């Protein structure tokens, strides 16, 4: 079984080509007997071209109640022209088509009336309600990938629903650490991940973000993340990389002293001391009804102990 959920530019190191990344992901097509592909991702869906239809199961969101999508453009994998979207669910995912004739395939396993808290799962002629313990449209996609895989392996829809509803999440993925103020910890460390988390929190009260990210794409990735965070009421750059990219945030950027120094190698970004100082500043700014979002690998490693 091969499962491909999405393909984005966010995991590219500096100097690498997006086409190389797509080719690397596409190697799964050569070795997997069965493929589960996200129909809502135009590049992922295109990997099925030329394959026998019985080898491929597509999944996707057919209708949703999500609002405030942070859009990301995508070119047609066939002709290279910009795709037109009739509906977006998240970033570059949605219902798309191109003037050359390329368009989204019909999913075999789909969600209708999808919301951050759940969806109606449709497989063939059967439909069941699914409630998610881990909220978010991105988790609807994760659940659909799991459902499509389980169905391909012969599980019945009622067993699939029980499995999905039993999943309680993993540490560092939209993990709620406190309710007043609400503190959310998420390992998001690239633009696609940050975009997905911000989509779930937009328009839901005052938002303070602690950014511990050092993007694997270098300064361009750091700046893209800073641009996505412009919807927050305050952003505290904890890492040197986040601070360096924070000029586009203007008065929303609230700086700490320790972020002036480089710390943490690679994508770790921020040190324990930097995360602790940034968390203290966030809690000074936050009221009981506000949300504090902590993103990045440094936050994942050190934020929980700082909060305690």
C-alpha atoms as a PDB file:
ATOM      1  CA  UNK A   1       0.000   0.000   0.000  1.00  0.00           C
ATOM      2  CA  UNK A   2       1.207   3.484  -0.817  1.00  0.00           C
ATOM      3  CA  UNK A   3      -0.524   6.568   0.649  1.00  0.00           C
ATOM      4  CA  UNK A   4       0.297  10.114  -0.516  1.00  0.00           C
ATOM      5  CA  UNK A   5      -1.538  12.861   1.341  1.00  0.00           C
ATOM      6  CA  UNK A   6      -0.166  16.039  -0.252  1.00  0.00           C
ATOM      7  CA  UNK A   7       2.853  17.499  -2.015  1.00  0.00           C
ATOM      8  CA  UNK A   8       4.007  21.056  -1.369  1.00  0.00           C
ATOM      9  CA  UNK A   9       7.178  23.081  -1.774  1.00  0.00           C
ATOM     10  CA  UNK A  10       7.627  23.421   1.965  1.00  0.00           C
ATOM     11  CA  UNK A  11      10.008  20.512   2.535  1.00  0.00           C
ATOM     12  CA  UNK A  12      12.547  21.710  -0.027  1.00  0.00           C
ATOM     13  CA  UNK A  13      15.980  22.621   1.231  1.00  0.00           C
ATOM     14  CA  UNK A  14      17.564  25.690  -0.328  1.00  0.00           C
ATOM     15  CA  UNK A  15      18.583  25.148  -3.954  1.00  0.00           C
ATOM     16  CA  UNK A  16      16.531  21.984  -4.579  1.00  0.00           C
ATOM     17  CA  UNK A  17      13.937  21.885  -7.347  1.00  0.00           C
ATOM     18  CA  UNK A  18      10.250  21.205  -6.734  1.00  0.00           C
ATOM     19  CA  UNK A  19      10.251  18.796  -9.692  1.00  0.00           C
ATOM     20  CA  UNK A  20      12.889  16.670  -7.905  1.00  0.00           C
ATOM     21  CA  UNK A  21      10.676  16.486  -4.835  1.00  0.00           C
ATOM     22  CA  UNK A  22       7.656  15.434  -6.917  1.00  0.00           C
ATOM     23  CA  UNK A  23       9.744  12.761  -8.641  1.00  0.00           C
ATOM     24  CA  UNK A  24      10.927  11.462  -5.261  1.00  0.00           C
ATOM     25  CA  UNK A  25       7.362  11.161  -3.970  1.00  0.00           C
ATOM     26  CA  UNK A  26       6.336   9.558  -7.230  1.00  0.00           C
ATOM     27  CA  UNK A  27       8.756   6.676  -6.720  1.00  0.00           C
ATOM     28  CA  UNK A  28       6.053   5.151  -4.512  1.00  0.00           C
ATOM     29  CA  UNK A  29       3.979   4.587  -7.649  1.00  0.00           C
ATOM     30  CA  UNK A  30       6.636   2.189  -8.931  1.00  0.00           C
ATOM     31  CA  UNK A  31       6.739  -0.025  -5.832  1.00  0.00           C
ATOM     32  CA  UNK A  32       3.246   0.017  -4.303  1.00  0.00           C
ATOM     33  CA  UNK A  33       0.682  -2.515  -5.477  1.00  0.00           C
ATOM     34  CA  UNK A  34      -2.197  -0.252  -4.415  1.00  0.00           C
ATOM     35  CA  UNK A  35      -2.211   3.530  -4.132  1.00  0.00           C
ATOM     36  CA  UNK A  36      -4.334   5.812  -1.949  1.00  0.00           C
ATOM     37  CA  UNK A  37      -4.154   9.364  -3.290  1.00  0.00           C
ATOM     38  CA  UNK A  38      -5.639  12.701  -2.249  1.00  0.00           C
ATOM     39  CA  UNK A  39      -7.900  13.769  -5.129  1.00  0.00           C
ATOM     40  CA  UNK A  40      -7.932  17.351  -3.798  1.00  0.00           C
ATOM     41  CA  UNK A  41      -4.189  17.802  -4.399  1.00  0.00           C
ATOM     42  CA  UNK A  42      -3.642  18.336  -8.149  1.00  0.00           C
ATOM     43  CA  UNK A  43      -0.085  17.008  -8.166  1.00  0.00           C
ATOM     44  CA  UNK A  44      -0.862  13.948  -6.038  1.00  0.00           C
ATOM     45  CA  UNK A  45      -3.868  13.116  -8.231  1.00  0.00           C
ATOM     46  CA  UNK A  46      -1.737  13.393 -11.382  1.00  0.00           C
ATOM     47  CA  UNK A  47       0.486  10.543 -10.166  1.00  0.00           C
ATOM     48  CA  UNK A  48      -2.337   8.153 -11.133  1.00  0.00           C
ATOM     49  CA  UNK A  49      -2.112   9.056 -14.820  1.00  0.00           C
ATOM     50  CA  UNK A  50      -1.510   5.986 -16.933  1.00  0.00           C
ATOM     51  CA  UNK A  51      -2.176   3.558 -14.096  1.00  0.00           C
ATOM     52  CA  UNK A  52      -4.960   0.952 -14.148  1.00  0.00           C
ATOM     53  CA  UNK A  53      -7.921   2.444 -12.276  1.00  0.00           C
ATOM     54  CA  UNK A  54      -8.186  -0.606 -10.022  1.00  0.00           C
ATOM     55  CA  UNK A  55      -4.764   0.217  -8.536  1.00  0.00           C
ATOM     56  CA  UNK A  56      -5.880   3.629  -7.262  1.00  0.00           C
ATOM     57  CA  UNK A  57      -8.288   4.783  -4.565  1.00  0.00           C
ATOM     58  CA  UNK A  58      -8.934   8.518  -4.421  1.00  0.00           C
ATOM     59  CA  UNK A  59     -10.178  10.332  -1.323  1.00  0.00           C
ATOM     60  CA  UNK A  60     -11.275  13.946  -0.870  1.00  0.00           C
ATOM     61  CA  UNK A  61     -13.618  16.464   0.700  1.00  0.00           C
ATOM     62  CA  UNK A  62     -16.763  16.844  -1.399  1.00  0.00           C
ATOM     63  CA  UNK A  63     -18.352  19.638   0.646  1.00  0.00           C
ATOM     64  CA  UNK A  64     -17.283  21.520   3.742  1.00  0.00           C
ATOM     65  CA  UNK A  65     -18.340  24.158   6.212  1.00  0.00           C
ATOM     66  CA  UNK A  66     -14.830  25.532   6.669  1.00  0.00           C
ATOM     67  CA  UNK A  67     -14.261  29.233   6.229  1.00  0.00           C
ATOM     68  CA  UNK A  68     -11.270  31.534   6.274  1.00  0.00           C
ATOM     69  CA  UNK A  69      -9.152  29.394   3.964  1.00  0.00           C
ATOM     70  CA  UNK A  70      -5.585  30.683   3.576  1.00  0.00           C
ATOM     71  CA  UNK A  71      -5.159  30.049  -0.178  1.00  0.00           C
ATOM     72  CA  UNK A  72      -2.054  28.813  -1.967  1.00  0.00           C
ATOM     73  CA  UNK A  73      -1.787  28.835  -5.747  1.00  0.00           C
ATOM     74  CA  UNK A  74      -0.886  25.776  -7.793  1.00  0.00           C
ATOM     75  CA  UNK A  75       0.029  25.231 -11.445  1.00  0.00           C
ATOM     76  CA  UNK A  76      -1.469  22.518 -13.610  1.00  0.00           C
ATOM     77  CA  UNK A  77       0.792  19.442 -13.554  1.00  0.00           C
ATOM     78  CA  UNK A  78      -0.021  18.888 -17.249  1.00  0.00           C
ATOM     79  CA  UNK A  79       0.466  22.260 -18.949  1.00  0.00           C
ATOM     80  CA  UNK A  80       1.893  24.506 -16.238  1.00  0.00           C
ATOM     81  CA  UNK A  81      -0.859  27.133 -16.375  1.00  0.00           C
ATOM     82  CA  UNK A  82      -2.464  28.380 -13.124  1.00  0.00           C
ATOM     83  CA  UNK A  83      -5.313  26.150 -11.978  1.00  0.00           C
ATOM     84  CA  UNK A  84      -8.783  27.569 -11.387  1.00  0.00           C
ATOM     85  CA  UNK A  85     -10.517  26.592  -8.158  1.00  0.00           C
ATOM     86  CA  UNK A  86     -14.285  26.430  -7.782  1.00  0.00           C
ATOM     87  CA  UNK A  87     -13.864  25.511  -4.089  1.00  0.00           C
ATOM     88  CA  UNK A  88     -10.941  25.512  -1.681  1.00  0.00           C
ATOM     89  CA  UNK A  89     -10.759  23.534   1.528  1.00  0.00           C
ATOM     90  CA  UNK A  90      -7.175  24.225   2.636  1.00  0.00           C
ATOM     91  CA  UNK A  91      -4.183  25.884   0.990  1.00  0.00           C
ATOM     92  CA  UNK A  92      -3.863  24.385  -2.504  1.00  0.00           C
ATOM     93  CA  UNK A  93      -6.391  21.612  -1.812  1.00  0.00           C
ATOM     94  CA  UNK A  94      -9.884  21.730  -3.267  1.00  0.00           C
ATOM     95  CA  UNK A  95     -11.916  21.350  -6.472  1.00  0.00           C
ATOM     96  CA  UNK A  96      -9.744  22.494  -9.391  1.00  0.00           C
ATOM     97  CA  UNK A  97      -9.644  22.459 -13.157  1.00  0.00           C
ATOM     98  CA  UNK A  98      -7.476  23.752 -15.988  1.00  0.00           C
ATOM     99  CA  UNK A  99      -8.231  25.122 -19.425  1.00  0.00           C
ATOM    100  CA  UNK A 100      -6.218  22.200 -20.869  1.00  0.00           C
ATOM    101  CA  UNK A 101      -8.866  19.794 -19.557  1.00  0.00           C
ATOM    102  CA  UNK A 102      -7.107  18.508 -16.438  1.00  0.00           C
ATOM    103  CA  UNK A 103      -9.460  18.392 -13.456  1.00  0.00           C
ATOM    104  CA  UNK A 104      -9.963  16.848 -10.034  1.00  0.00           C
ATOM    105  CA  UNK A 105     -10.916  13.147 -10.142  1.00  0.00           C
ATOM    106  CA  UNK A 106     -14.041  11.971  -8.359  1.00  0.00           C
ATOM    107  CA  UNK A 107     -13.143  10.536  -4.926  1.00  0.00           C
ATOM    108  CA  UNK A 108     -13.994   6.939  -4.060  1.00  0.00           C
ATOM    109  CA  UNK A 109     -13.914   7.752  -0.336  1.00  0.00           C
ATOM    110  CA  UNK A 110     -15.225  11.188   0.528  1.00  0.00           C
ATOM    111  CA  UNK A 111     -16.274  13.560   3.273  1.00  0.00           C
ATOM    112  CA  UNK A 112     -19.406  15.661   2.946  1.00  0.00           C
ATOM    113  CA  UNK A 113     -20.422  18.486   5.272  1.00  0.00           C
ATOM    114  CA  UNK A 114     -16.879  18.454   6.630  1.00  0.00           C
ATOM    115  CA  UNK A 115     -16.128  20.734   9.566  1.00  0.00           C
ATOM    116  CA  UNK A 116     -13.172  20.925  11.976  1.00  0.00           C
ATOM    117  CA  UNK A 117     -15.042  18.620  14.380  1.00  0.00           C
ATOM    118  CA  UNK A 118     -16.109  15.881  11.986  1.00  0.00           C
ATOM    119  CA  UNK A 119     -17.785  14.876   8.737  1.00  0.00           C
ATOM    120  CA  UNK A 120     -20.051  12.400   7.008  1.00  0.00           C
ATOM    121  CA  UNK A 121     -17.998   9.563   5.576  1.00  0.00           C
ATOM    122  CA  UNK A 122     -19.256   8.249   2.232  1.00  0.00           C
ATOM    123  CA  UNK A 123     -17.931   5.006   0.731  1.00  0.00           C
ATOM    124  CA  UNK A 124     -19.958   3.690  -2.182  1.00  0.00           C
ATOM    125  CA  UNK A 125     -23.616   3.625  -1.150  1.00  0.00           C
ATOM    126  CA  UNK A 126     -22.878   3.785   2.591  1.00  0.00           C
ATOM    127  CA  UNK A 127     -22.644   6.899   4.750  1.00  0.00           C
ATOM    128  CA  UNK A 128     -21.706   7.272   8.420  1.00  0.00           C
ATOM    129  CA  UNK A 129     -21.205  10.213  10.791  1.00  0.00           C
ATOM    130  CA  UNK A 130     -17.638  10.647  12.109  1.00  0.00           C
ATOM    131  CA  UNK A 131     -16.765  12.821  15.110  1.00  0.00           C
ATOM    132  CA  UNK A 132     -13.105  13.753  15.488  1.00  0.00           C
ATOM    133  CA  UNK A 133     -11.411  14.019  18.870  1.00  0.00           C
ATOM    134  CA  UNK A 134      -8.581  15.903  17.134  1.00  0.00           C
ATOM    135  CA  UNK A 135     -10.163  18.917  15.389  1.00  0.00           C
ATOM    136  CA  UNK A 136      -9.199  20.576  12.144  1.00  0.00           C
ATOM    137  CA  UNK A 137      -9.839  20.300   8.417  1.00  0.00           C
ATOM    138  CA  UNK A 138      -6.312  18.920   8.084  1.00  0.00           C
ATOM    139  CA  UNK A 139      -7.360  16.105  10.401  1.00  0.00           C
ATOM    140  CA  UNK A 140     -10.413  15.449   8.234  1.00  0.00           C
ATOM    141  CA  UNK A 141      -7.938  14.806   5.415  1.00  0.00           C
ATOM    142  CA  UNK A 142      -5.823  12.569   7.666  1.00  0.00           C
ATOM    143  CA  UNK A 143      -8.936  10.626   8.674  1.00  0.00           C
ATOM    144  CA  UNK A 144      -9.981  10.215   5.046  1.00  0.00           C
ATOM    145  CA  UNK A 145      -6.534   8.879   4.133  1.00  0.00           C
ATOM    146  CA  UNK A 146      -6.798   6.333   6.937  1.00  0.00           C
ATOM    147  CA  UNK A 147     -10.369   5.424   5.965  1.00  0.00           C
ATOM    148  CA  UNK A 148      -9.462   4.938   2.299  1.00  0.00           C
ATOM    149  CA  UNK A 149      -6.499   2.755   3.255  1.00  0.00           C
ATOM    150  CA  UNK A 150      -8.550   0.641   5.672  1.00  0.00           C
ATOM    151  CA  UNK A 151     -11.335   0.212   3.092  1.00  0.00           C
ATOM    152  CA  UNK A 152      -8.813  -0.843   0.431  1.00  0.00           C
ATOM    153  CA  UNK A 153      -7.523  -3.474   2.862  1.00  0.00           C
ATOM    154  CA  UNK A 154     -11.015  -4.891   3.328  1.00  0.00           C
ATOM    155  CA  UNK A 155     -12.337  -3.293   6.535  1.00  0.00           C
ATOM    156  CA  UNK A 156     -16.042  -2.555   6.884  1.00  0.00           C
ATOM    157  CA  UNK A 157     -17.230   1.040   7.200  1.00  0.00           C
ATOM    158  CA  UNK A 158     -18.498   0.630  10.802  1.00  0.00           C
ATOM    159  CA  UNK A 159     -15.102  -0.680  11.929  1.00  0.00           C
ATOM    160  CA  UNK A 160     -13.424   2.209  10.101  1.00  0.00           C
ATOM    161  CA  UNK A 161     -15.601   4.757  11.922  1.00  0.00           C
ATOM    162  CA  UNK A 162     -14.867   3.162  15.297  1.00  0.00           C
ATOM    163  CA  UNK A 163     -11.164   3.322  14.562  1.00  0.00           C
ATOM    164  CA  UNK A 164     -11.266   6.978  13.508  1.00  0.00           C
ATOM    165  CA  UNK A 165     -13.291   8.039  16.536  1.00  0.00           C
ATOM    166  CA  UNK A 166     -10.984   6.176  18.926  1.00  0.00           C
ATOM    167  CA  UNK A 167      -7.944   8.222  17.866  1.00  0.00           C
ATOM    168  CA  UNK A 168      -7.122  10.855  20.487  1.00  0.00           C
ATOM    169  CA  UNK A 169      -4.202  12.544  18.761  1.00  0.00           C
ATOM    170  CA  UNK A 170      -0.461  12.678  19.383  1.00  0.00           C
ATOM    171  CA  UNK A 171       1.634  15.161  21.362  1.00  0.00           C
ATOM    172  CA  UNK A 172       2.513  18.313  19.480  1.00  0.00           C
ATOM    173  CA  UNK A 173      -0.235  18.167  16.884  1.00  0.00           C
ATOM    174  CA  UNK A 174      -2.845  20.817  17.702  1.00  0.00           C
ATOM    175  CA  UNK A 175      -2.346  19.814  21.333  1.00  0.00           C
ATOM    176  CA  UNK A 176      -4.334  21.863  23.842  1.00  0.00           C
ATOM    177  CA  UNK A 177      -2.233  22.543  26.937  1.00  0.00           C
ATOM    178  CA  UNK A 178      -4.565  24.989  28.698  1.00  0.00           C
ATOM    179  CA  UNK A 179      -8.076  26.384  28.362  1.00  0.00           C
ATOM    180  CA  UNK A 180      -7.796  29.827  30.017  1.00  0.00           C
ATOM    181  CA  UNK A 181      -6.008  31.210  28.180  1.00  0.00           C
ATOM    182  CA  UNK A 182      -6.289  28.556  25.521  1.00  0.00           C
ATOM    183  CA  UNK A 183      -2.779  27.340  24.670  1.00  0.00           C
ATOM    184  CA  UNK A 184      -2.276  25.292  21.505  1.00  0.00           C
ATOM    185  CA  UNK A 185       1.019  23.557  20.757  1.00  0.00           C
ATOM    186  CA  UNK A 186       1.668  22.465  17.173  1.00  0.00           C
ATOM    187  CA  UNK A 187       4.816  21.109  15.558  1.00  0.00           C
ATOM    188  CA  UNK A 188       4.035  23.052  12.346  1.00  0.00           C
ATOM    189  CA  UNK A 189       7.432  24.087  10.978  1.00  0.00           C
ATOM    190  CA  UNK A 190       6.811  24.925   7.322  1.00  0.00           C
ATOM    191  CA  UNK A 191       4.377  27.224   5.488  1.00  0.00           C
ATOM    192  CA  UNK A 192       1.815  24.498   4.689  1.00  0.00           C
ATOM    193  CA  UNK A 193       1.646  23.348   8.310  1.00  0.00           C
ATOM    194  CA  UNK A 194       1.420  26.881   9.675  1.00  0.00           C
ATOM    195  CA  UNK A 195      -1.225  27.770   7.081  1.00  0.00           C
ATOM    196  CA  UNK A 196      -3.350  24.784   8.120  1.00  0.00           C
ATOM    197  CA  UNK A 197      -3.199  25.622  11.832  1.00  0.00           C
ATOM    198  CA  UNK A 198      -3.894  29.316  11.267  1.00  0.00           C
ATOM    199  CA  UNK A 199      -6.958  28.399   9.193  1.00  0.00           C
ATOM    200  CA  UNK A 200      -8.437  26.649  12.235  1.00  0.00           C
ATOM    201  CA  UNK A 201      -7.844  29.636  14.545  1.00  0.00           C
ATOM    202  CA  UNK A 202      -8.740  32.583  12.296  1.00  0.00           C
ATOM    203  CA  UNK A 203     -11.680  34.651  13.469  1.00  0.00           C
ATOM    204  CA  UNK A 204     -11.950  32.907  16.843  1.00  0.00           C
ATOM    205  CA  UNK A 205     -10.854  35.685  19.168  1.00  0.00           C
ATOM    206  CA  UNK A 206      -7.560  37.357  19.975  1.00  0.00           C
ATOM    207  CA  UNK A 207      -4.573  35.274  18.863  1.00  0.00           C
ATOM    208  CA  UNK A 208      -0.970  35.463  20.098  1.00  0.00           C
ATOM    209  CA  UNK A 209       1.624  33.326  18.261  1.00  0.00           C
ATOM    210  CA  UNK A 210       4.997  32.171  19.570  1.00  0.00           C
ATOM    211  CA  UNK A 211       7.093  31.381  16.494  1.00  0.00           C
ATOM    212  CA  UNK A 212      10.036  29.052  17.202  1.00  0.00           C
ATOM    213  CA  UNK A 213      10.488  28.007  13.557  1.00  0.00           C
ATOM    214  CA  UNK A 214      13.693  27.968  11.539  1.00  0.00           C
ATOM    215  CA  UNK A 215      12.466  26.943   8.084  1.00  0.00           C
ATOM    216  CA  UNK A 216      14.236  24.219   6.138  1.00  0.00           C
ATOM    217  CA  UNK A 217      13.772  26.487   3.101  1.00  0.00           C
ATOM    218  CA  UNK A 218      15.870  29.243   4.664  1.00  0.00           C
ATOM    219  CA  UNK A 219      14.938  32.913   4.789  1.00  0.00           C
ATOM    220  CA  UNK A 220      12.330  32.539   2.018  1.00  0.00           C
ATOM    221  CA  UNK A 221      10.431  29.971   4.079  1.00  0.00           C
ATOM    222  CA  UNK A 222      10.784  32.085   7.228  1.00  0.00           C
ATOM    223  CA  UNK A 223       9.354  35.101   5.426  1.00  0.00           C
ATOM    224  CA  UNK A 224       6.478  33.090   3.998  1.00  0.00           C
ATOM    225  CA  UNK A 225       5.602  31.879   7.498  1.00  0.00           C
ATOM    226  CA  UNK A 226       5.783  35.450   8.838  1.00  0.00           C
ATOM    227  CA  UNK A 227       3.374  36.552   6.095  1.00  0.00           C
ATOM    228  CA  UNK A 228       0.901  33.809   7.066  1.00  0.00           C
ATOM    229  CA  UNK A 229       1.081  34.955  10.705  1.00  0.00           C
ATOM    230  CA  UNK A 230       0.028  38.520   9.822  1.00  0.00           C
ATOM    231  CA  UNK A 231      -3.551  37.611  10.752  1.00  0.00           C
ATOM    232  CA  UNK A 232      -2.492  37.157  14.395  1.00  0.00           C
ATOM    233  CA  UNK A 233      -2.889  39.989  16.887  1.00  0.00           C
ATOM    234  CA  UNK A 234       0.661  39.555  18.181  1.00  0.00           C
ATOM    235  CA  UNK A 235       3.618  37.424  17.066  1.00  0.00           C
ATOM    236  CA  UNK A 236       6.584  36.693  19.333  1.00  0.00           C
ATOM    237  CA  UNK A 237       9.604  35.493  17.308  1.00  0.00           C
ATOM    238  CA  UNK A 238      11.448  33.092  19.599  1.00  0.00           C
ATOM    239  CA  UNK A 239      14.141  31.964  17.144  1.00  0.00           C
ATOM    240  CA  UNK A 240      16.764  34.094  15.451  1.00  0.00           C
ATOM    241  CA  UNK A 241      15.393  32.974  12.079  1.00  0.00           C
ATOM    242  CA  UNK A 242      11.860  34.061  12.994  1.00  0.00           C
ATOM    243  CA  UNK A 243      13.147  37.411  14.256  1.00  0.00           C
ATOM    244  CA  UNK A 244      15.106  38.000  11.042  1.00  0.00           C
ATOM    245  CA  UNK A 245      11.920  37.485   8.983  1.00  0.00           C
ATOM    246  CA  UNK A 246       9.623  39.484  11.277  1.00  0.00           C
ATOM    247  CA  UNK A 247      10.059  42.919   9.694  1.00  0.00           C
ATOM    248  CA  UNK A 248       6.975  42.335   7.515  1.00  0.00           C
ATOM    249  CA  UNK A 249       4.852  41.970  10.669  1.00  0.00           C
ATOM    250  CA  UNK A 250       5.270  45.611  11.679  1.00  0.00           C
ATOM    251  CA  UNK A 251       3.788  46.425  15.085  1.00  0.00           C
ATOM    252  CA  UNK A 252       2.421  42.881  15.457  1.00  0.00           C
ATOM    253  CA  UNK A 253       5.953  41.643  16.197  1.00  0.00           C
ATOM    254  CA  UNK A 254       6.748  41.579  19.938  1.00  0.00           C
ATOM    255  CA  UNK A 255      10.436  40.848  20.423  1.00  0.00           C
ATOM    256  CA  UNK A 256      12.310  39.133  23.233  1.00  0.00           C
ATOM    257  CA  UNK A 257      15.948  39.804  24.053  1.00  0.00           C
ATOM    258  CA  UNK A 258      17.271  36.264  23.593  1.00  0.00           C
ATOM    259  CA  UNK A 259      16.100  35.950  19.968  1.00  0.00           C
ATOM    260  CA  UNK A 260      18.932  38.285  18.959  1.00  0.00           C
ATOM    261  CA  UNK A 261      21.298  35.317  19.250  1.00  0.00           C
ATOM    262  CA  UNK A 262      21.505  32.260  16.998  1.00  0.00           C
ATOM    263  CA  UNK A 263      20.618  29.032  18.779  1.00  0.00           C
ATOM    264  CA  UNK A 264      19.465  25.535  17.892  1.00  0.00           C
ATOM    265  CA  UNK A 265      20.763  23.802  14.775  1.00  0.00           C
ATOM    266  CA  UNK A 266      18.773  23.042  11.637  1.00  0.00           C
ATOM    267  CA  UNK A 267      14.992  23.281  11.961  1.00  0.00           C
ATOM    268  CA  UNK A 268      15.139  23.254  15.771  1.00  0.00           C
ATOM    269  CA  UNK A 269      15.414  27.030  15.583  1.00  0.00           C
ATOM    270  CA  UNK A 270      14.951  28.097  19.187  1.00  0.00           C
ATOM    271  CA  UNK A 271      16.728  27.048  22.362  1.00  0.00           C
ATOM    272  CA  UNK A 272      15.103  26.133  25.667  1.00  0.00           C
ATOM    273  CA  UNK A 273      15.904  29.614  27.020  1.00  0.00           C
ATOM    274  CA  UNK A 274      14.438  31.377  23.994  1.00  0.00           C
ATOM    275  CA  UNK A 275      11.236  29.346  24.137  1.00  0.00           C
ATOM    276  CA  UNK A 276      10.895  29.971  27.884  1.00  0.00           C
ATOM    277  CA  UNK A 277      11.293  33.741  27.450  1.00  0.00           C
ATOM    278  CA  UNK A 278       8.830  33.820  24.539  1.00  0.00           C
ATOM    279  CA  UNK A 279       6.249  31.771  26.453  1.00  0.00           C
ATOM    280  CA  UNK A 280       6.543  34.103  29.463  1.00  0.00           C
ATOM    281  CA  UNK A 281       5.979  37.104  27.196  1.00  0.00           C
ATOM    282  CA  UNK A 282       2.966  35.457  25.550  1.00  0.00           C
ATOM    283  CA  UNK A 283       1.354  34.711  28.918  1.00  0.00           C
ATOM    284  CA  UNK A 284       1.949  38.314  30.000  1.00  0.00           C
ATOM    285  CA  UNK A 285       0.047  39.505  26.917  1.00  0.00           C
ATOM    286  CA  UNK A 286      -2.760  36.932  26.992  1.00  0.00           C
ATOM    287  CA  UNK A 287      -6.099  37.452  28.672  1.00  0.00           C
ATOM    288  CA  UNK A 288      -8.216  34.539  29.921  1.00  0.00           C
ATOM    289  CA  UNK A 289     -10.268  34.436  26.690  1.00  0.00           C
ATOM    290  CA  UNK A 290      -7.298  34.676  24.307  1.00  0.00           C
ATOM    291  CA  UNK A 291      -5.514  31.925  22.385  1.00  0.00           C
ATOM    292  CA  UNK A 292      -1.756  31.382  22.466  1.00  0.00           C
ATOM    293  CA  UNK A 293      -0.442  29.293  19.542  1.00  0.00           C
ATOM    294  CA  UNK A 294       3.102  27.910  19.829  1.00  0.00           C
ATOM    295  CA  UNK A 295       4.585  26.600  16.572  1.00  0.00           C
ATOM    296  CA  UNK A 296       7.813  24.900  15.542  1.00  0.00           C
ATOM    297  CA  UNK A 297      10.198  22.207  16.694  1.00  0.00           C
ATOM    298  CA  UNK A 298      11.639  24.325  19.503  1.00  0.00           C
ATOM    299  CA  UNK A 299       8.153  24.896  20.880  1.00  0.00           C
ATOM    300  CA  UNK A 300       7.376  21.189  20.605  1.00  0.00           C
ATOM    301  CA  UNK A 301      10.470  20.322  22.643  1.00  0.00           C
ATOM    302  CA  UNK A 302      10.478  23.030  25.297  1.00  0.00           C
ATOM    303  CA  UNK A 303       7.157  24.912  25.557  1.00  0.00           C
ATOM    304  CA  UNK A 304       5.263  22.468  27.769  1.00  0.00           C
ATOM    305  CA  UNK A 305       7.910  22.496  30.493  1.00  0.00           C
ATOM    306  CA  UNK A 306       8.046  26.307  30.327  1.00  0.00           C
ATOM    307  CA  UNK A 307       4.276  26.536  30.797  1.00  0.00           C
ATOM    308  CA  UNK A 308       4.388  24.169  33.773  1.00  0.00           C
END
